[in-house]
Amino acid sequence: MTQAEEDLLVLSAQNGDHKAFSSLFRLYHKPLIGFAVKLSNNNEIASDAVQDAWIKAAKNIRQLNDPRAFKSWIYRLVRWKLLDSLKKQAIEGSRLEVLDEETMANNLDSGSVKDEELSAAINRLPNVEKQIIYLFYLDEMKITEISIILEIPVGTVKSRLNRARQLLKEKYQVLEN
């Protein structure tokens, strides 16, 4: 889908077109679930956060001034909802399920050992670096989009991406040995 087609869907959705909103949902729901799962390591929390974000998006899409900002906006909503859920869970004294190596391997699309090792290394990164790696490489977002989603300056995204690459390189080398 081209950016112009996506912009038209957003504008139509803002004018109450439910089919246009459904098209946006189909376009972004699966990547948003993947994003939330990678950040939380918990399918249930991720699914709830994404669902809550879609509900908020449906209610507030008319407030979005720039249709081109939809992608960043919806990812940011998911991130906020996910952080809220994680804070609530921490307050209740619950602990997040930490995926063990076997579970991570089962969740990978590819069964190769290298992918398993790389996934394990990514999951061992600090949360901010994990988010940046996921958004930049797996969701193929631009640095400016990541800046909007994480609400940090572009320069900070660049330096954190560089740090994340370095940490990933170190962690991946440790796993190979």
C-alpha atoms as a PDB file:
ATOM      1  CA  MET A   1       0.000   0.000   0.000  1.00  0.00           C
ATOM      2  CA  THR A   2       1.350   3.407  -0.890  1.00  0.00           C
ATOM      3  CA  GLN A   3       1.574   6.281   1.558  1.00  0.00           C
ATOM      4  CA  ALA A   4      -1.077   8.174  -0.422  1.00  0.00           C
ATOM      5  CA  GLU A   5      -3.513   5.234  -0.161  1.00  0.00           C
ATOM      6  CA  GLU A   6      -2.866   4.971   3.561  1.00  0.00           C
ATOM      7  CA  ASP A   7      -3.399   8.721   3.979  1.00  0.00           C
ATOM      8  CA  LEU A   8      -6.753   8.443   2.191  1.00  0.00           C
ATOM      9  CA  LEU A   9      -7.767   5.589   4.498  1.00  0.00           C
ATOM     10  CA  VAL A  10      -6.904   7.698   7.537  1.00  0.00           C
ATOM     11  CA  LEU A  11      -8.860  10.675   6.194  1.00  0.00           C
ATOM     12  CA  SER A  12     -11.841   8.439   5.432  1.00  0.00           C
ATOM     13  CA  ALA A  13     -11.650   6.879   8.887  1.00  0.00           C
ATOM     14  CA  GLN A  14     -11.573  10.352  10.406  1.00  0.00           C
ATOM     15  CA  ASN A  15     -14.815  11.073   8.558  1.00  0.00           C
ATOM     16  CA  GLY A  16     -16.482   8.011  10.077  1.00  0.00           C
ATOM     17  CA  ASP A  17     -15.812   5.418   7.368  1.00  0.00           C
ATOM     18  CA  HIS A  18     -15.753   2.122   9.284  1.00  0.00           C
ATOM     19  CA  LYS A  19     -14.443   0.185   6.285  1.00  0.00           C
ATOM     20  CA  ALA A  20     -11.436   2.500   6.081  1.00  0.00           C
ATOM     21  CA  PHE A  21     -10.737   2.025   9.791  1.00  0.00           C
ATOM     22  CA  SER A  22     -11.043  -1.747   9.324  1.00  0.00           C
ATOM     23  CA  SER A  23      -8.491  -1.557   6.516  1.00  0.00           C
ATOM     24  CA  LEU A  24      -6.087   0.307   8.799  1.00  0.00           C
ATOM     25  CA  PHE A  25      -6.708  -2.322  11.449  1.00  0.00           C
ATOM     26  CA  ARG A  26      -5.879  -5.146   9.022  1.00  0.00           C
ATOM     27  CA  LEU A  27      -2.764  -3.298   7.873  1.00  0.00           C
ATOM     28  CA  TYR A  28      -1.311  -2.630  11.334  1.00  0.00           C
ATOM     29  CA  HIS A  29      -2.789  -5.112  13.805  1.00  0.00           C
ATOM     30  CA  LYS A  30      -0.330  -7.965  13.271  1.00  0.00           C
ATOM     31  CA  PRO A  31       2.796  -5.715  13.348  1.00  0.00           C
ATOM     32  CA  LEU A  32       1.473  -4.019  16.483  1.00  0.00           C
ATOM     33  CA  ILE A  33       0.968  -7.366  18.205  1.00  0.00           C
ATOM     34  CA  GLY A  34       4.538  -8.330  17.259  1.00  0.00           C
ATOM     35  CA  PHE A  35       5.833  -5.032  18.616  1.00  0.00           C
ATOM     36  CA  ALA A  36       3.966  -5.435  21.903  1.00  0.00           C
ATOM     37  CA  VAL A  37       5.012  -9.075  22.338  1.00  0.00           C
ATOM     38  CA  LYS A  38       8.662  -8.201  21.754  1.00  0.00           C
ATOM     39  CA  LEU A  39       8.499  -5.465  24.377  1.00  0.00           C
ATOM     40  CA  SER A  40       6.561  -7.377  27.018  1.00  0.00           C
ATOM     41  CA  ASN A  41       7.489 -11.021  26.364  1.00  0.00           C
ATOM     42  CA  ASN A  42       3.868 -11.758  27.246  1.00  0.00           C
ATOM     43  CA  ASN A  43       1.238 -12.548  24.589  1.00  0.00           C
ATOM     44  CA  GLU A  44      -1.737 -11.779  26.831  1.00  0.00           C
ATOM     45  CA  ILE A  45      -0.482  -8.377  27.983  1.00  0.00           C
ATOM     46  CA  ALA A  46       0.538  -7.538  24.411  1.00  0.00           C
ATOM     47  CA  SER A  47      -2.855  -8.478  23.008  1.00  0.00           C
ATOM     48  CA  ASP A  48      -4.701  -6.461  25.662  1.00  0.00           C
ATOM     49  CA  ALA A  49      -2.490  -3.414  25.104  1.00  0.00           C
ATOM     50  CA  VAL A  50      -3.027  -3.519  21.341  1.00  0.00           C
ATOM     51  CA  GLN A  51      -6.771  -3.954  21.778  1.00  0.00           C
ATOM     52  CA  ASP A  52      -6.904  -0.983  24.162  1.00  0.00           C
ATOM     53  CA  ALA A  53      -4.849   1.094  21.722  1.00  0.00           C
ATOM     54  CA  TRP A  54      -7.267   0.315  18.860  1.00  0.00           C
ATOM     55  CA  ILE A  55     -10.211   1.314  21.029  1.00  0.00           C
ATOM     56  CA  LYS A  56      -8.519   4.608  21.892  1.00  0.00           C
ATOM     57  CA  ALA A  57      -7.571   5.113  18.231  1.00  0.00           C
ATOM     58  CA  ALA A  58     -11.181   4.595  17.146  1.00  0.00           C
ATOM     59  CA  LYS A  59     -12.367   7.193  19.645  1.00  0.00           C
ATOM     60  CA  ASN A  60      -9.648   9.752  18.927  1.00  0.00           C
ATOM     61  CA  ILE A  61      -8.711   9.369  15.248  1.00  0.00           C
ATOM     62  CA  ARG A  62     -10.432  12.650  14.391  1.00  0.00           C
ATOM     63  CA  GLN A  63      -7.919  14.467  16.604  1.00  0.00           C
ATOM     64  CA  LEU A  64      -5.006  13.288  14.460  1.00  0.00           C
ATOM     65  CA  ASN A  65      -3.961  16.362  12.469  1.00  0.00           C
ATOM     66  CA  ASP A  66      -1.637  14.727   9.941  1.00  0.00           C
ATOM     67  CA  PRO A  67      -2.717  11.485   8.250  1.00  0.00           C
ATOM     68  CA  ARG A  68       0.952  10.641   7.610  1.00  0.00           C
ATOM     69  CA  ALA A  69       1.483  10.472  11.369  1.00  0.00           C
ATOM     70  CA  PHE A  70      -0.989   7.588  11.788  1.00  0.00           C
ATOM     71  CA  LYS A  71       1.651   4.842  11.900  1.00  0.00           C
ATOM     72  CA  SER A  72       3.723   6.599  14.549  1.00  0.00           C
ATOM     73  CA  TRP A  73       0.582   7.569  16.437  1.00  0.00           C
ATOM     74  CA  ILE A  74      -0.824   4.024  16.641  1.00  0.00           C
ATOM     75  CA  TYR A  75       2.547   2.565  17.664  1.00  0.00           C
ATOM     76  CA  ARG A  76       2.841   5.217  20.362  1.00  0.00           C
ATOM     77  CA  LEU A  77      -0.650   4.366  21.637  1.00  0.00           C
ATOM     78  CA  VAL A  78       0.331   0.702  21.881  1.00  0.00           C
ATOM     79  CA  ARG A  79       3.529   1.603  23.710  1.00  0.00           C
ATOM     80  CA  TRP A  80       1.631   3.761  26.220  1.00  0.00           C
ATOM     81  CA  LYS A  81      -1.003   1.097  26.819  1.00  0.00           C
ATOM     82  CA  LEU A  82       1.692  -1.534  27.211  1.00  0.00           C
ATOM     83  CA  LEU A  83       3.629   0.573  29.716  1.00  0.00           C
ATOM     84  CA  ASP A  84       0.407   1.197  31.659  1.00  0.00           C
ATOM     85  CA  SER A  85      -0.298  -2.538  31.775  1.00  0.00           C
ATOM     86  CA  LEU A  86       3.227  -3.364  32.879  1.00  0.00           C
ATOM     87  CA  LYS A  87       3.110  -0.711  35.617  1.00  0.00           C
ATOM     88  CA  LYS A  88      -0.250  -2.000  36.810  1.00  0.00           C
ATOM     89  CA  GLN A  89       1.065  -5.541  36.905  1.00  0.00           C
ATOM     90  CA  ALA A  90       4.159  -4.463  38.836  1.00  0.00           C
ATOM     91  CA  ILE A  91       2.018  -2.592  41.351  1.00  0.00           C
ATOM     92  CA  GLU A  92      -0.129  -5.673  41.878  1.00  0.00           C
ATOM     93  CA  GLY A  93       3.022  -7.575  42.746  1.00  0.00           C
ATOM     94  CA  SER A  94       2.901  -9.826  39.723  1.00  0.00           C
ATOM     95  CA  ARG A  95       5.955 -10.650  37.711  1.00  0.00           C
ATOM     96  CA  LEU A  96       6.140 -10.725  33.949  1.00  0.00           C
ATOM     97  CA  GLU A  97       6.668 -14.103  32.437  1.00  0.00           C
ATOM     98  CA  VAL A  98      10.180 -14.232  31.144  1.00  0.00           C
ATOM     99  CA  LEU A  99      10.400 -16.322  28.047  1.00  0.00           C
ATOM    100  CA  ASP A 100      12.901 -19.088  28.404  1.00  0.00           C
ATOM    101  CA  GLU A 101      15.076 -20.144  25.508  1.00  0.00           C
ATOM    102  CA  GLU A 102      12.727 -22.956  24.475  1.00  0.00           C
ATOM    103  CA  THR A 103       9.675 -20.694  24.345  1.00  0.00           C
ATOM    104  CA  MET A 104      11.565 -18.076  22.342  1.00  0.00           C
ATOM    105  CA  ALA A 105      12.647 -20.711  19.875  1.00  0.00           C
ATOM    106  CA  ASN A 106       9.046 -21.880  19.445  1.00  0.00           C
ATOM    107  CA  ASN A 107       7.877 -18.320  18.759  1.00  0.00           C
ATOM    108  CA  LEU A 108      10.381 -17.698  15.984  1.00  0.00           C
ATOM    109  CA  ASP A 109       9.224 -17.924  12.406  1.00  0.00           C
ATOM    110  CA  SER A 110      12.512 -19.456  11.366  1.00  0.00           C
ATOM    111  CA  GLY A 111      13.887 -22.572  12.975  1.00  0.00           C
ATOM    112  CA  SER A 112      17.561 -21.871  12.393  1.00  0.00           C
ATOM    113  CA  VAL A 113      19.938 -21.843  15.348  1.00  0.00           C
ATOM    114  CA  LYS A 114      21.334 -18.449  14.324  1.00  0.00           C
ATOM    115  CA  ASP A 115      17.868 -16.854  14.507  1.00  0.00           C
ATOM    116  CA  GLU A 116      17.281 -18.385  17.926  1.00  0.00           C
ATOM    117  CA  GLU A 117      20.591 -17.048  19.178  1.00  0.00           C
ATOM    118  CA  LEU A 118      19.951 -13.603  17.714  1.00  0.00           C
ATOM    119  CA  SER A 119      16.456 -13.501  19.205  1.00  0.00           C
ATOM    120  CA  ALA A 120      17.848 -14.485  22.596  1.00  0.00           C
ATOM    121  CA  ALA A 121      20.457 -11.731  22.339  1.00  0.00           C
ATOM    122  CA  ILE A 122      17.808  -9.140  21.413  1.00  0.00           C
ATOM    123  CA  ASN A 123      15.624 -10.217  24.333  1.00  0.00           C
ATOM    124  CA  ARG A 124      18.550  -9.720  26.710  1.00  0.00           C
ATOM    125  CA  LEU A 125      18.968  -6.065  25.685  1.00  0.00           C
ATOM    126  CA  PRO A 126      17.721  -3.329  28.020  1.00  0.00           C
ATOM    127  CA  ASN A 127      14.124  -2.376  27.223  1.00  0.00           C
ATOM    128  CA  VAL A 128      14.874   0.893  25.382  1.00  0.00           C
ATOM    129  CA  GLU A 129      17.500  -0.698  23.157  1.00  0.00           C
ATOM    130  CA  LYS A 130      15.219  -3.664  22.477  1.00  0.00           C
ATOM    131  CA  GLN A 131      12.455  -1.280  21.395  1.00  0.00           C
ATOM    132  CA  ILE A 132      14.748   0.606  19.039  1.00  0.00           C
ATOM    133  CA  ILE A 133      16.171  -2.560  17.467  1.00  0.00           C
ATOM    134  CA  TYR A 134      12.694  -3.956  16.978  1.00  0.00           C
ATOM    135  CA  LEU A 135      11.266  -0.774  15.457  1.00  0.00           C
ATOM    136  CA  PHE A 136      14.262  -0.059  13.220  1.00  0.00           C
ATOM    137  CA  TYR A 137      15.115  -3.521  11.923  1.00  0.00           C
ATOM    138  CA  LEU A 138      12.036  -5.674  12.314  1.00  0.00           C
ATOM    139  CA  ASP A 139       9.334  -3.075  11.658  1.00  0.00           C
ATOM    140  CA  GLU A 140      11.635  -1.167   9.264  1.00  0.00           C
ATOM    141  CA  MET A 141      10.710   2.244  10.629  1.00  0.00           C
ATOM    142  CA  LYS A 142      12.548   5.445   9.930  1.00  0.00           C
ATOM    143  CA  ILE A 143      14.492   7.147  12.699  1.00  0.00           C
ATOM    144  CA  THR A 144      12.019  10.048  12.657  1.00  0.00           C
ATOM    145  CA  GLU A 145       9.112   7.637  13.198  1.00  0.00           C
ATOM    146  CA  ILE A 146      10.929   5.983  16.096  1.00  0.00           C
ATOM    147  CA  SER A 147      11.556   9.428  17.552  1.00  0.00           C
ATOM    148  CA  ILE A 148       7.816  10.127  17.552  1.00  0.00           C
ATOM    149  CA  ILE A 149       6.872   6.730  18.972  1.00  0.00           C
ATOM    150  CA  LEU A 150       9.399   6.817  21.813  1.00  0.00           C
ATOM    151  CA  GLU A 151       8.984  10.574  22.312  1.00  0.00           C
ATOM    152  CA  ILE A 152      12.698  11.306  22.171  1.00  0.00           C
ATOM    153  CA  PRO A 153      14.788  13.523  19.844  1.00  0.00           C
ATOM    154  CA  VAL A 154      16.123  12.102  16.574  1.00  0.00           C
ATOM    155  CA  GLY A 155      19.695  12.444  17.835  1.00  0.00           C
ATOM    156  CA  THR A 156      18.843  10.368  20.886  1.00  0.00           C
ATOM    157  CA  VAL A 157      17.334   7.668  18.665  1.00  0.00           C
ATOM    158  CA  LYS A 158      20.531   7.581  16.616  1.00  0.00           C
ATOM    159  CA  SER A 159      22.786   7.306  19.658  1.00  0.00           C
ATOM    160  CA  ARG A 160      20.577   4.659  21.287  1.00  0.00           C
ATOM    161  CA  LEU A 161      20.446   2.704  18.033  1.00  0.00           C
ATOM    162  CA  ASN A 162      24.225   2.779  17.895  1.00  0.00           C
ATOM    163  CA  ARG A 163      24.397   1.661  21.536  1.00  0.00           C
ATOM    164  CA  ALA A 164      21.841  -1.084  20.881  1.00  0.00           C
ATOM    165  CA  ARG A 165      23.868  -2.363  17.931  1.00  0.00           C
ATOM    166  CA  GLN A 166      26.994  -2.442  20.071  1.00  0.00           C
ATOM    167  CA  LEU A 167      25.253  -4.233  22.949  1.00  0.00           C
ATOM    168  CA  LEU A 168      23.671  -6.683  20.542  1.00  0.00           C
ATOM    169  CA  LYS A 169      27.024  -7.394  18.955  1.00  0.00           C
ATOM    170  CA  GLU A 170      28.539  -8.059  22.394  1.00  0.00           C
ATOM    171  CA  LYS A 171      25.651 -10.264  23.559  1.00  0.00           C
ATOM    172  CA  TYR A 172      25.505 -12.166  20.283  1.00  0.00           C
ATOM    173  CA  GLN A 173      29.244 -12.887  20.420  1.00  0.00           C
ATOM    174  CA  VAL A 174      28.865 -14.205  23.966  1.00  0.00           C
ATOM    175  CA  LEU A 175      26.154 -16.601  22.786  1.00  0.00           C
ATOM    176  CA  GLU A 176      28.257 -17.861  19.882  1.00  0.00           C
ATOM    177  CA  ASN A 177      31.130 -18.847  22.180  1.00  0.00           C
END
